[in-house]
Amino acid sequence: IAIPKPAKPSGDPKIYRPISLLCVSFKILERLIYARVDPLLP
């Protein structure tokens, strides 16, 4: 979803802030993997 930044002209594509909505199942899988990987990161 492209959300425009406040008080900016809407004609410029660079002023939009993208928000990505993922499938809930995918997000749960990401968090499970992150929980195992995070302690190993420097």
PDB file of all heavy atoms in Angstrom:
ATOM      1  N   ILE A   1       0.857  -1.181   0.000  1.00  0.00           N
ATOM      2  CA  ILE A   1       0.000   0.000   0.000  1.00  0.00           C
ATOM      3  C   ILE A   1       0.895   1.233   0.000  1.00  0.00           C
ATOM      4  O   ILE A   1       1.782   1.358   0.846  1.00  0.00           O
ATOM      5  CB  ILE A   1      -0.931  -0.003   1.231  1.00  0.00           C
ATOM      6  CG1 ILE A   1      -1.810  -1.253   1.201  1.00  0.00           C
ATOM      7  CG2 ILE A   1      -1.778   1.259   1.262  1.00  0.00           C
ATOM      8  CD1 ILE A   1      -2.648  -1.449   2.430  1.00  0.00           C
ATOM      9  N   ALA A   2       0.669   2.124  -0.956  1.00  0.00           N
ATOM     10  CA  ALA A   2       1.453   3.355  -1.072  1.00  0.00           C
ATOM     11  C   ALA A   2       0.730   4.471  -0.320  1.00  0.00           C
ATOM     12  O   ALA A   2      -0.345   4.897  -0.721  1.00  0.00           O
ATOM     13  CB  ALA A   2       1.642   3.724  -2.531  1.00  0.00           C
ATOM     14  N   ILE A   3       1.339   4.928   0.758  1.00  0.00           N
ATOM     15  CA  ILE A   3       0.741   5.994   1.570  1.00  0.00           C
ATOM     16  C   ILE A   3       1.577   7.263   1.372  1.00  0.00           C
ATOM     17  O   ILE A   3       2.785   7.260   1.609  1.00  0.00           O
ATOM     18  CB  ILE A   3       0.724   5.596   3.059  1.00  0.00           C
ATOM     19  CG1 ILE A   3      -0.120   4.334   3.226  1.00  0.00           C
ATOM     20  CG2 ILE A   3       0.200   6.732   3.919  1.00  0.00           C
ATOM     21  CD1 ILE A   3      -0.105   3.762   4.612  1.00  0.00           C
ATOM     22  N   PRO A   4       0.949   8.368   0.940  1.00  0.00           N
ATOM     23  CA  PRO A   4       1.726   9.604   0.719  1.00  0.00           C
ATOM     24  C   PRO A   4       2.184  10.213   2.043  1.00  0.00           C
ATOM     25  O   PRO A   4       1.493  10.142   3.049  1.00  0.00           O
ATOM     26  CB  PRO A   4       0.739  10.521   0.002  1.00  0.00           C
ATOM     27  CG  PRO A   4      -0.611   9.991   0.327  1.00  0.00           C
ATOM     28  CD  PRO A   4      -0.457   8.527   0.613  1.00  0.00           C
ATOM     29  N   LYS A   5       3.397  10.772   2.021  1.00  0.00           N
ATOM     30  CA  LYS A   5       3.901  11.480   3.198  1.00  0.00           C
ATOM     31  C   LYS A   5       3.083  12.747   3.375  1.00  0.00           C
ATOM     32  O   LYS A   5       2.647  13.347   2.398  1.00  0.00           O
ATOM     33  CB  LYS A   5       5.388  11.806   3.023  1.00  0.00           C
ATOM     34  CG  LYS A   5       6.259  10.566   2.956  1.00  0.00           C
ATOM     35  CD  LYS A   5       7.702  10.933   2.720  1.00  0.00           C
ATOM     36  CE  LYS A   5       8.563   9.686   2.558  1.00  0.00           C
ATOM     37  NZ  LYS A   5       9.941  10.001   2.204  1.00  0.00           N
ATOM     38  N   PRO A   6       2.869  13.169   4.619  1.00  0.00           N
ATOM     39  CA  PRO A   6       2.034  14.355   4.849  1.00  0.00           C
ATOM     40  C   PRO A   6       2.647  15.631   4.262  1.00  0.00           C
ATOM     41  O   PRO A   6       3.858  15.808   4.256  1.00  0.00           O
ATOM     42  CB  PRO A   6       1.944  14.447   6.369  1.00  0.00           C
ATOM     43  CG  PRO A   6       2.825  13.410   6.933  1.00  0.00           C
ATOM     44  CD  PRO A   6       3.346  12.554   5.837  1.00  0.00           C
ATOM     45  N   ALA A   7       1.787  16.495   3.790  1.00  0.00           N
ATOM     46  CA  ALA A   7       2.151  17.825   3.274  1.00  0.00           C
ATOM     47  C   ALA A   7       3.145  17.775   2.119  1.00  0.00           C
ATOM     48  O   ALA A   7       4.011  18.620   2.005  1.00  0.00           O
ATOM     49  CB  ALA A   7       2.686  18.702   4.403  1.00  0.00           C
ATOM     50  N   LYS A   8       3.034  16.765   1.266  1.00  0.00           N
ATOM     51  CA  LYS A   8       3.889  16.661   0.082  1.00  0.00           C
ATOM     52  C   LYS A   8       2.990  16.574  -1.147  1.00  0.00           C
ATOM     53  O   LYS A   8       1.889  16.054  -1.085  1.00  0.00           O
ATOM     54  CB  LYS A   8       4.767  15.398   0.153  1.00  0.00           C
ATOM     55  CG  LYS A   8       5.698  15.347   1.337  1.00  0.00           C
ATOM     56  CD  LYS A   8       6.906  16.198   1.103  1.00  0.00           C
ATOM     57  CE  LYS A   8       7.859  16.034   2.279  1.00  0.00           C
ATOM     58  NZ  LYS A   8       9.083  16.706   2.107  1.00  0.00           N
ATOM     59  N   PRO A   9       3.466  17.074  -2.300  1.00  0.00           N
ATOM     60  CA  PRO A   9       2.654  16.983  -3.525  1.00  0.00           C
ATOM     61  C   PRO A   9       2.525  15.519  -3.964  1.00  0.00           C
ATOM     62  O   PRO A   9       3.508  14.797  -4.024  1.00  0.00           O
ATOM     63  CB  PRO A   9       3.439  17.804  -4.543  1.00  0.00           C
ATOM     64  CG  PRO A   9       4.841  17.831  -4.021  1.00  0.00           C
ATOM     65  CD  PRO A   9       4.738  17.739  -2.517  1.00  0.00           C
ATOM     66  N   SER A  10       1.311  15.089  -4.258  1.00  0.00           N
ATOM     67  CA  SER A  10       1.062  13.672  -4.549  1.00  0.00           C
ATOM     68  C   SER A  10       1.531  13.226  -5.935  1.00  0.00           C
ATOM     69  O   SER A  10       1.492  12.048  -6.228  1.00  0.00           O
ATOM     70  CB  SER A  10      -0.422  13.365  -4.386  1.00  0.00           C
ATOM     71  OG  SER A  10      -1.169  14.122  -5.314  1.00  0.00           O
ATOM     72  N   GLY A  11       1.986  14.126  -6.775  1.00  0.00           N
ATOM     73  CA  GLY A  11       2.417  13.758  -8.115  1.00  0.00           C
ATOM     74  C   GLY A  11       3.770  13.080  -8.176  1.00  0.00           C
ATOM     75  O   GLY A  11       4.089  12.398  -9.141  1.00  0.00           O
ATOM     76  N   ASP A  12       4.602  13.208  -7.149  1.00  0.00           N
ATOM     77  CA  ASP A  12       5.945  12.645  -7.150  1.00  0.00           C
ATOM     78  C   ASP A  12       5.931  11.256  -6.510  1.00  0.00           C
ATOM     79  O   ASP A  12       5.581  11.112  -5.337  1.00  0.00           O
ATOM     80  CB  ASP A  12       6.880  13.580  -6.375  1.00  0.00           C
ATOM     81  CG  ASP A  12       8.323  13.112  -6.395  1.00  0.00           C
ATOM     82  OD1 ASP A  12       8.638  12.136  -7.099  1.00  0.00           O
ATOM     83  OD2 ASP A  12       9.146  13.744  -5.698  1.00  0.00           O
ATOM     84  N   PRO A  13       6.321  10.213  -7.242  1.00  0.00           N
ATOM     85  CA  PRO A  13       6.297   8.863  -6.680  1.00  0.00           C
ATOM     86  C   PRO A  13       7.216   8.684  -5.467  1.00  0.00           C
ATOM     87  O   PRO A  13       6.991   7.813  -4.646  1.00  0.00           O
ATOM     88  CB  PRO A  13       6.776   7.971  -7.830  1.00  0.00           C
ATOM     89  CG  PRO A  13       6.707   8.790  -9.055  1.00  0.00           C
ATOM     90  CD  PRO A  13       6.725  10.230  -8.634  1.00  0.00           C
ATOM     91  N   LYS A  14       8.239   9.530  -5.337  1.00  0.00           N
ATOM     92  CA  LYS A  14       9.185   9.393  -4.227  1.00  0.00           C
ATOM     93  C   LYS A  14       8.600   9.787  -2.878  1.00  0.00           C
ATOM     94  O   LYS A  14       9.183   9.493  -1.839  1.00  0.00           O
ATOM     95  CB  LYS A  14      10.438  10.230  -4.499  1.00  0.00           C
ATOM     96  CG  LYS A  14      11.257   9.706  -5.646  1.00  0.00           C
ATOM     97  CD  LYS A  14      12.488  10.551  -5.858  1.00  0.00           C
ATOM     98  CE  LYS A  14      13.292  10.026  -7.027  1.00  0.00           C
ATOM     99  NZ  LYS A  14      14.490  10.827  -7.274  1.00  0.00           N
ATOM    100  N   ILE A  15       7.460  10.463  -2.873  1.00  0.00           N
ATOM    101  CA  ILE A  15       6.897  10.914  -1.594  1.00  0.00           C
ATOM    102  C   ILE A  15       6.011   9.850  -0.940  1.00  0.00           C
ATOM    103  O   ILE A  15       5.517  10.049   0.154  1.00  0.00           O
ATOM    104  CB  ILE A  15       6.110  12.237  -1.753  1.00  0.00           C
ATOM    105  CG1 ILE A  15       4.872  12.050  -2.634  1.00  0.00           C
ATOM    106  CG2 ILE A  15       6.981  13.340  -2.287  1.00  0.00           C
ATOM    107  CD1 ILE A  15       3.625  11.977  -1.852  1.00  0.00           C
ATOM    108  N   TYR A  16       5.845   8.708  -1.598  1.00  0.00           N
ATOM    109  CA  TYR A  16       5.000   7.659  -1.045  1.00  0.00           C
ATOM    110  C   TYR A  16       5.802   6.715  -0.155  1.00  0.00           C
ATOM    111  O   TYR A  16       6.931   6.347  -0.477  1.00  0.00           O
ATOM    112  CB  TYR A  16       4.317   6.866  -2.160  1.00  0.00           C
ATOM    113  CG  TYR A  16       3.226   7.652  -2.829  1.00  0.00           C
ATOM    114  CD1 TYR A  16       3.498   8.471  -3.916  1.00  0.00           C
ATOM    115  CD2 TYR A  16       1.924   7.604  -2.350  1.00  0.00           C
ATOM    116  CE1 TYR A  16       2.497   9.208  -4.527  1.00  0.00           C
ATOM    117  CE2 TYR A  16       0.909   8.337  -2.949  1.00  0.00           C
ATOM    118  CZ  TYR A  16       1.210   9.136  -4.033  1.00  0.00           C
ATOM    119  OH  TYR A  16       0.222   9.870  -4.627  1.00  0.00           O
ATOM    120  N   ARG A  17       5.214   6.336   0.936  1.00  0.00           N
ATOM    121  CA  ARG A  17       5.819   5.397   1.878  1.00  0.00           C
ATOM    122  C   ARG A  17       5.124   4.048   1.683  1.00  0.00           C
ATOM    123  O   ARG A  17       3.933   3.927   1.920  1.00  0.00           O
ATOM    124  CB  ARG A  17       5.609   5.908   3.303  1.00  0.00           C
ATOM    125  CG  ARG A  17       6.257   5.082   4.361  1.00  0.00           C
ATOM    126  CD  ARG A  17       6.088   5.725   5.724  1.00  0.00           C
ATOM    127  NE  ARG A  17       6.792   6.996   5.778  1.00  0.00           N
ATOM    128  CZ  ARG A  17       6.276   8.128   6.246  1.00  0.00           C
ATOM    129  NH1 ARG A  17       5.044   8.155   6.707  1.00  0.00           N
ATOM    130  NH2 ARG A  17       6.974   9.227   6.280  1.00  0.00           N
ATOM    131  N   PRO A  18       5.875   3.013   1.242  1.00  0.00           N
ATOM    132  CA  PRO A  18       5.225   1.725   1.017  1.00  0.00           C
ATOM    133  C   PRO A  18       5.053   0.939   2.325  1.00  0.00           C
ATOM    134  O   PRO A  18       5.957   0.865   3.140  1.00  0.00           O
ATOM    135  CB  PRO A  18       6.190   1.005   0.076  1.00  0.00           C
ATOM    136  CG  PRO A  18       7.514   1.599   0.392  1.00  0.00           C
ATOM    137  CD  PRO A  18       7.263   3.027   0.819  1.00  0.00           C
ATOM    138  N   ILE A  19       3.890   0.375   2.503  1.00  0.00           N
ATOM    139  CA  ILE A  19       3.597  -0.501   3.635  1.00  0.00           C
ATOM    140  C   ILE A  19       3.269  -1.861   3.041  1.00  0.00           C
ATOM    141  O   ILE A  19       2.390  -1.974   2.186  1.00  0.00           O
ATOM    142  CB  ILE A  19       2.390   0.018   4.465  1.00  0.00           C
ATOM    143  CG1 ILE A  19       2.596   1.460   4.907  1.00  0.00           C
ATOM    144  CG2 ILE A  19       2.098  -0.907   5.629  1.00  0.00           C
ATOM    145  CD1 ILE A  19       3.709   1.674   5.888  1.00  0.00           C
ATOM    146  N   SER A  20       3.974  -2.887   3.480  1.00  0.00           N
ATOM    147  CA  SER A  20       3.785  -4.218   2.927  1.00  0.00           C
ATOM    148  C   SER A  20       3.007  -5.085   3.914  1.00  0.00           C
ATOM    149  O   SER A  20       3.410  -5.252   5.058  1.00  0.00           O
ATOM    150  CB  SER A  20       5.158  -4.846   2.655  1.00  0.00           C
ATOM    151  OG  SER A  20       5.008  -6.134   2.155  1.00  0.00           O
ATOM    152  N   LEU A  21       1.893  -5.626   3.452  1.00  0.00           N
ATOM    153  CA  LEU A  21       1.073  -6.515   4.268  1.00  0.00           C
ATOM    154  C   LEU A  21       1.259  -7.946   3.761  1.00  0.00           C
ATOM    155  O   LEU A  21       0.951  -8.251   2.620  1.00  0.00           O
ATOM    156  CB  LEU A  21      -0.399  -6.116   4.177  1.00  0.00           C
ATOM    157  CG  LEU A  21      -0.718  -4.665   4.565  1.00  0.00           C
ATOM    158  CD1 LEU A  21      -2.186  -4.374   4.322  1.00  0.00           C
ATOM    159  CD2 LEU A  21      -0.340  -4.406   6.000  1.00  0.00           C
ATOM    160  N   LEU A  22       1.789  -8.785   4.648  1.00  0.00           N
ATOM    161  CA  LEU A  22       2.065 -10.173   4.286  1.00  0.00           C
ATOM    162  C   LEU A  22       1.037 -11.110   4.889  1.00  0.00           C
ATOM    163  O   LEU A  22       0.345 -10.769   5.855  1.00  0.00           O
ATOM    164  CB  LEU A  22       3.453 -10.580   4.787  1.00  0.00           C
ATOM    165  CG  LEU A  22       4.635  -9.881   4.137  1.00  0.00           C
ATOM    166  CD1 LEU A  22       5.901 -10.138   4.922  1.00  0.00           C
ATOM    167  CD2 LEU A  22       4.792 -10.370   2.713  1.00  0.00           C
ATOM    168  N   CYS A  23       0.984 -12.299   4.375  1.00  0.00           N
ATOM    169  CA  CYS A  23       0.129 -13.352   4.892  1.00  0.00           C
ATOM    170  C   CYS A  23       0.507 -13.646   6.352  1.00  0.00           C
ATOM    171  O   CYS A  23       1.688 -13.709   6.701  1.00  0.00           O
ATOM    172  CB  CYS A  23       0.324 -14.595   4.033  1.00  0.00           C
ATOM    173  SG  CYS A  23      -0.520 -16.044   4.623  1.00  0.00           S
ATOM    174  N   VAL A  24      -0.478 -13.825   7.211  1.00  0.00           N
ATOM    175  CA  VAL A  24      -0.236 -14.069   8.637  1.00  0.00           C
ATOM    176  C   VAL A  24       0.610 -15.326   8.843  1.00  0.00           C
ATOM    177  O   VAL A  24       1.532 -15.339   9.663  1.00  0.00           O
ATOM    178  CB  VAL A  24      -1.570 -14.165   9.412  1.00  0.00           C
ATOM    179  CG1 VAL A  24      -1.346 -14.585  10.841  1.00  0.00           C
ATOM    180  CG2 VAL A  24      -2.309 -12.837   9.348  1.00  0.00           C
ATOM    181  N   SER A  25       0.346 -16.372   8.086  1.00  0.00           N
ATOM    182  CA  SER A  25       1.119 -17.615   8.211  1.00  0.00           C
ATOM    183  C   SER A  25       2.597 -17.371   7.905  1.00  0.00           C
ATOM    184  O   SER A  25       3.477 -17.903   8.576  1.00  0.00           O
ATOM    185  CB  SER A  25       0.570 -18.683   7.271  1.00  0.00           C
ATOM    186  OG  SER A  25      -0.781 -18.917   7.542  1.00  0.00           O
ATOM    187  N   PHE A  26       2.865 -16.561   6.880  1.00  0.00           N
ATOM    188  CA  PHE A  26       4.248 -16.240   6.515  1.00  0.00           C
ATOM    189  C   PHE A  26       4.917 -15.447   7.629  1.00  0.00           C
ATOM    190  O   PHE A  26       6.072 -15.696   7.973  1.00  0.00           O
ATOM    191  CB  PHE A  26       4.271 -15.459   5.197  1.00  0.00           C
ATOM    192  CG  PHE A  26       5.643 -15.289   4.612  1.00  0.00           C
ATOM    193  CD1 PHE A  26       6.194 -16.296   3.841  1.00  0.00           C
ATOM    194  CD2 PHE A  26       6.372 -14.132   4.820  1.00  0.00           C
ATOM    195  CE1 PHE A  26       7.456 -16.150   3.283  1.00  0.00           C
ATOM    196  CE2 PHE A  26       7.629 -13.972   4.269  1.00  0.00           C
ATOM    197  CZ  PHE A  26       8.179 -14.987   3.496  1.00  0.00           C
ATOM    198  N   LYS A  27       4.200 -14.492   8.213  1.00  0.00           N
ATOM    199  CA  LYS A  27       4.759 -13.681   9.296  1.00  0.00           C
ATOM    200  C   LYS A  27       5.074 -14.539  10.528  1.00  0.00           C
ATOM    201  O   LYS A  27       6.088 -14.334  11.187  1.00  0.00           O
ATOM    202  CB  LYS A  27       3.820 -12.538   9.661  1.00  0.00           C
ATOM    203  CG  LYS A  27       3.734 -11.481   8.555  1.00  0.00           C
ATOM    204  CD  LYS A  27       2.826 -10.357   8.920  1.00  0.00           C
ATOM    205  CE  LYS A  27       3.414  -9.411   9.908  1.00  0.00           C
ATOM    206  NZ  LYS A  27       4.528  -8.619   9.503  1.00  0.00           N
ATOM    207  N   ILE A  28       4.217 -15.517  10.823  1.00  0.00           N
ATOM    208  CA  ILE A  28       4.480 -16.418  11.950  1.00  0.00           C
ATOM    209  C   ILE A  28       5.733 -17.237  11.674  1.00  0.00           C
ATOM    210  O   ILE A  28       6.596 -17.389  12.548  1.00  0.00           O
ATOM    211  CB  ILE A  28       3.257 -17.326  12.214  1.00  0.00           C
ATOM    212  CG1 ILE A  28       2.102 -16.487  12.774  1.00  0.00           C
ATOM    213  CG2 ILE A  28       3.618 -18.464  13.170  1.00  0.00           C
ATOM    214  CD1 ILE A  28       0.777 -17.223  12.846  1.00  0.00           C
ATOM    215  N   LEU A  29       5.859 -17.750  10.458  1.00  0.00           N
ATOM    216  CA  LEU A  29       7.053 -18.511  10.083  1.00  0.00           C
ATOM    217  C   LEU A  29       8.305 -17.646  10.201  1.00  0.00           C
ATOM    218  O   LEU A  29       9.330 -18.094  10.718  1.00  0.00           O
ATOM    219  CB  LEU A  29       6.902 -19.055   8.662  1.00  0.00           C
ATOM    220  CG  LEU A  29       8.063 -19.878   8.125  1.00  0.00           C
ATOM    221  CD1 LEU A  29       8.310 -21.105   9.002  1.00  0.00           C
ATOM    222  CD2 LEU A  29       7.779 -20.297   6.688  1.00  0.00           C
ATOM    223  N   GLU A  30       8.233 -16.389   9.731  1.00  0.00           N
ATOM    224  CA  GLU A  30       9.362 -15.464   9.864  1.00  0.00           C
ATOM    225  C   GLU A  30       9.784 -15.307  11.318  1.00  0.00           C
ATOM    226  O   GLU A  30      10.964 -15.337  11.654  1.00  0.00           O
ATOM    227  CB  GLU A  30       8.992 -14.078   9.329  1.00  0.00           C
ATOM    228  CG  GLU A  30       9.127 -13.902   7.859  1.00  0.00           C
ATOM    229  CD  GLU A  30       8.822 -12.474   7.436  1.00  0.00           C
ATOM    230  OE1 GLU A  30       8.026 -11.774   8.127  1.00  0.00           O
ATOM    231  OE2 GLU A  30       9.372 -12.045   6.426  1.00  0.00           O
ATOM    232  N   ARG A  31       8.805 -15.118  12.203  1.00  0.00           N
ATOM    233  CA  ARG A  31       9.112 -14.910  13.627  1.00  0.00           C
ATOM    234  C   ARG A  31       9.701 -16.155  14.268  1.00  0.00           C
ATOM    235  O   ARG A  31      10.580 -16.057  15.118  1.00  0.00           O
ATOM    236  CB  ARG A  31       7.871 -14.447  14.366  1.00  0.00           C
ATOM    237  CG  ARG A  31       7.536 -13.026  13.972  1.00  0.00           C
ATOM    238  CD  ARG A  31       6.446 -12.454  14.807  1.00  0.00           C
ATOM    239  NE  ARG A  31       6.117 -11.140  14.268  1.00  0.00           N
ATOM    240  CZ  ARG A  31       5.313 -10.313  14.845  1.00  0.00           C
ATOM    241  NH1 ARG A  31       4.737 -10.623  15.975  1.00  0.00           N
ATOM    242  NH2 ARG A  31       5.061  -9.138  14.304  1.00  0.00           N
ATOM    243  N   LEU A  32       9.229 -17.328  13.875  1.00  0.00           N
ATOM    244  CA  LEU A  32       9.802 -18.570  14.405  1.00  0.00           C
ATOM    245  C   LEU A  32      11.267 -18.709  13.996  1.00  0.00           C
ATOM    246  O   LEU A  32      12.121 -19.064  14.811  1.00  0.00           O
ATOM    247  CB  LEU A  32       8.996 -19.775  13.915  1.00  0.00           C
ATOM    248  CG  LEU A  32       7.602 -19.952  14.505  1.00  0.00           C
ATOM    249  CD1 LEU A  32       6.845 -21.039  13.759  1.00  0.00           C
ATOM    250  CD2 LEU A  32       7.681 -20.260  15.989  1.00  0.00           C
ATOM    251  N   ILE A  33      11.538 -18.426  12.745  1.00  0.00           N
ATOM    252  CA  ILE A  33      12.924 -18.507  12.260  1.00  0.00           C
ATOM    253  C   ILE A  33      13.774 -17.428  12.914  1.00  0.00           C
ATOM    254  O   ILE A  33      14.895 -17.686  13.352  1.00  0.00           O
ATOM    255  CB  ILE A  33      12.959 -18.425  10.719  1.00  0.00           C
ATOM    256  CG1 ILE A  33      12.383 -19.719  10.150  1.00  0.00           C
ATOM    257  CG2 ILE A  33      14.371 -18.175  10.215  1.00  0.00           C
ATOM    258  CD1 ILE A  33      12.244 -19.741   8.659  1.00  0.00           C
ATOM    259  N   TYR A  34      13.237 -16.221  13.008  1.00  0.00           N
ATOM    260  CA  TYR A  34      13.990 -15.122  13.630  1.00  0.00           C
ATOM    261  C   TYR A  34      14.369 -15.476  15.079  1.00  0.00           C
ATOM    262  O   TYR A  34      15.481 -15.202  15.520  1.00  0.00           O
ATOM    263  CB  TYR A  34      13.181 -13.826  13.594  1.00  0.00           C
ATOM    264  CG  TYR A  34      13.913 -12.681  14.231  1.00  0.00           C
ATOM    265  CD1 TYR A  34      14.914 -12.009  13.548  1.00  0.00           C
ATOM    266  CD2 TYR A  34      13.639 -12.290  15.539  1.00  0.00           C
ATOM    267  CE1 TYR A  34      15.610 -10.983  14.140  1.00  0.00           C
ATOM    268  CE2 TYR A  34      14.330 -11.263  16.142  1.00  0.00           C
ATOM    269  CZ  TYR A  34      15.316 -10.609  15.434  1.00  0.00           C
ATOM    270  OH  TYR A  34      16.007  -9.597  16.029  1.00  0.00           O
ATOM    271  N   ALA A  35      13.448 -16.099  15.810  1.00  0.00           N
ATOM    272  CA  ALA A  35      13.721 -16.464  17.206  1.00  0.00           C
ATOM    273  C   ALA A  35      14.898 -17.434  17.309  1.00  0.00           C
ATOM    274  O   ALA A  35      15.667 -17.382  18.273  1.00  0.00           O
ATOM    275  CB  ALA A  35      12.473 -17.074  17.840  1.00  0.00           C
ATOM    276  N   ARG A  36      15.079 -18.285  16.304  1.00  0.00           N
ATOM    277  CA  ARG A  36      16.207 -19.232  16.319  1.00  0.00           C
ATOM    278  C   ARG A  36      17.498 -18.602  15.819  1.00  0.00           C
ATOM    279  O   ARG A  36      18.579 -18.973  16.253  1.00  0.00           O
ATOM    280  CB  ARG A  36      15.874 -20.450  15.469  1.00  0.00           C
ATOM    281  CG  ARG A  36      14.804 -21.316  16.120  1.00  0.00           C
ATOM    282  CD  ARG A  36      14.634 -22.630  15.453  1.00  0.00           C
ATOM    283  NE  ARG A  36      15.850 -23.418  15.463  1.00  0.00           N
ATOM    284  CZ  ARG A  36      16.019 -24.493  14.703  1.00  0.00           C
ATOM    285  NH1 ARG A  36      15.046 -24.896  13.912  1.00  0.00           N
ATOM    286  NH2 ARG A  36      17.141 -25.170  14.732  1.00  0.00           N
ATOM    287  N   VAL A  37      17.390 -17.658  14.889  1.00  0.00           N
ATOM    288  CA  VAL A  37      18.579 -17.071  14.259  1.00  0.00           C
ATOM    289  C   VAL A  37      19.143 -15.903  15.071  1.00  0.00           C
ATOM    290  O   VAL A  37      20.360 -15.740  15.181  1.00  0.00           O
ATOM    291  CB  VAL A  37      18.246 -16.620  12.817  1.00  0.00           C
ATOM    292  CG1 VAL A  37      19.362 -15.810  12.211  1.00  0.00           C
ATOM    293  CG2 VAL A  37      17.918 -17.825  11.955  1.00  0.00           C
ATOM    294  N   ASP A  38      18.284 -15.096  15.655  1.00  0.00           N
ATOM    295  CA  ASP A  38      18.717 -13.862  16.323  1.00  0.00           C
ATOM    296  C   ASP A  38      19.818 -14.062  17.361  1.00  0.00           C
ATOM    297  O   ASP A  38      20.786 -13.305  17.371  1.00  0.00           O
ATOM    298  CB  ASP A  38      17.518 -13.142  16.939  1.00  0.00           C
ATOM    299  CG  ASP A  38      17.900 -11.796  17.518  1.00  0.00           C
ATOM    300  OD1 ASP A  38      18.474 -10.971  16.764  1.00  0.00           O
ATOM    301  OD2 ASP A  38      17.660 -11.574  18.714  1.00  0.00           O
ATOM    302  N   PRO A  39      19.741 -15.062  18.244  1.00  0.00           N
ATOM    303  CA  PRO A  39      20.820 -15.220  19.230  1.00  0.00           C
ATOM    304  C   PRO A  39      22.180 -15.539  18.611  1.00  0.00           C
ATOM    305  O   PRO A  39      23.212 -15.336  19.248  1.00  0.00           O
ATOM    306  CB  PRO A  39      20.343 -16.396  20.097  1.00  0.00           C
ATOM    307  CG  PRO A  39      18.885 -16.492  19.879  1.00  0.00           C
ATOM    308  CD  PRO A  39      18.646 -16.002  18.483  1.00  0.00           C
ATOM    309  N   LEU A  40      22.206 -15.998  17.377  1.00  0.00           N
ATOM    310  CA  LEU A  40      23.454 -16.360  16.706  1.00  0.00           C
ATOM    311  C   LEU A  40      24.110 -15.191  15.983  1.00  0.00           C
ATOM    312  O   LEU A  40      25.249 -15.285  15.547  1.00  0.00           O
ATOM    313  CB  LEU A  40      23.200 -17.494  15.708  1.00  0.00           C
ATOM    314  CG  LEU A  40      22.571 -18.758  16.296  1.00  0.00           C
ATOM    315  CD1 LEU A  40      22.204 -19.730  15.180  1.00  0.00           C
ATOM    316  CD2 LEU A  40      23.493 -19.407  17.304  1.00  0.00           C
ATOM    317  N   LEU A  41      23.374 -14.083  15.830  1.00  0.00           N
ATOM    318  CA  LEU A  41      23.902 -12.925  15.107  1.00  0.00           C
ATOM    319  C   LEU A  41      24.949 -12.198  15.938  1.00  0.00           C
ATOM    320  O   LEU A  41      24.814 -12.081  17.161  1.00  0.00           O
ATOM    321  CB  LEU A  41      22.770 -11.955  14.754  1.00  0.00           C
ATOM    322  CG  LEU A  41      21.692 -12.473  13.810  1.00  0.00           C
ATOM    323  CD1 LEU A  41      20.584 -11.433  13.653  1.00  0.00           C
ATOM    324  CD2 LEU A  41      22.274 -12.839  12.470  1.00  0.00           C
ATOM    325  N   PRO A  42      25.999 -11.677  15.294  1.00  0.00           N
ATOM    326  CA  PRO A  42      26.984 -10.886  16.040  1.00  0.00           C
ATOM    327  C   PRO A  42      26.357  -9.603  16.573  1.00  0.00           C
ATOM    328  O   PRO A  42      25.370  -9.110  16.023  1.00  0.00           O
ATOM    329  CB  PRO A  42      28.065 -10.580  14.998  1.00  0.00           C
ATOM    330  CG  PRO A  42      27.459 -10.858  13.680  1.00  0.00           C
ATOM    331  CD  PRO A  42      26.298 -11.786  13.876  1.00  0.00           C
TER     332      PRO A  42
END
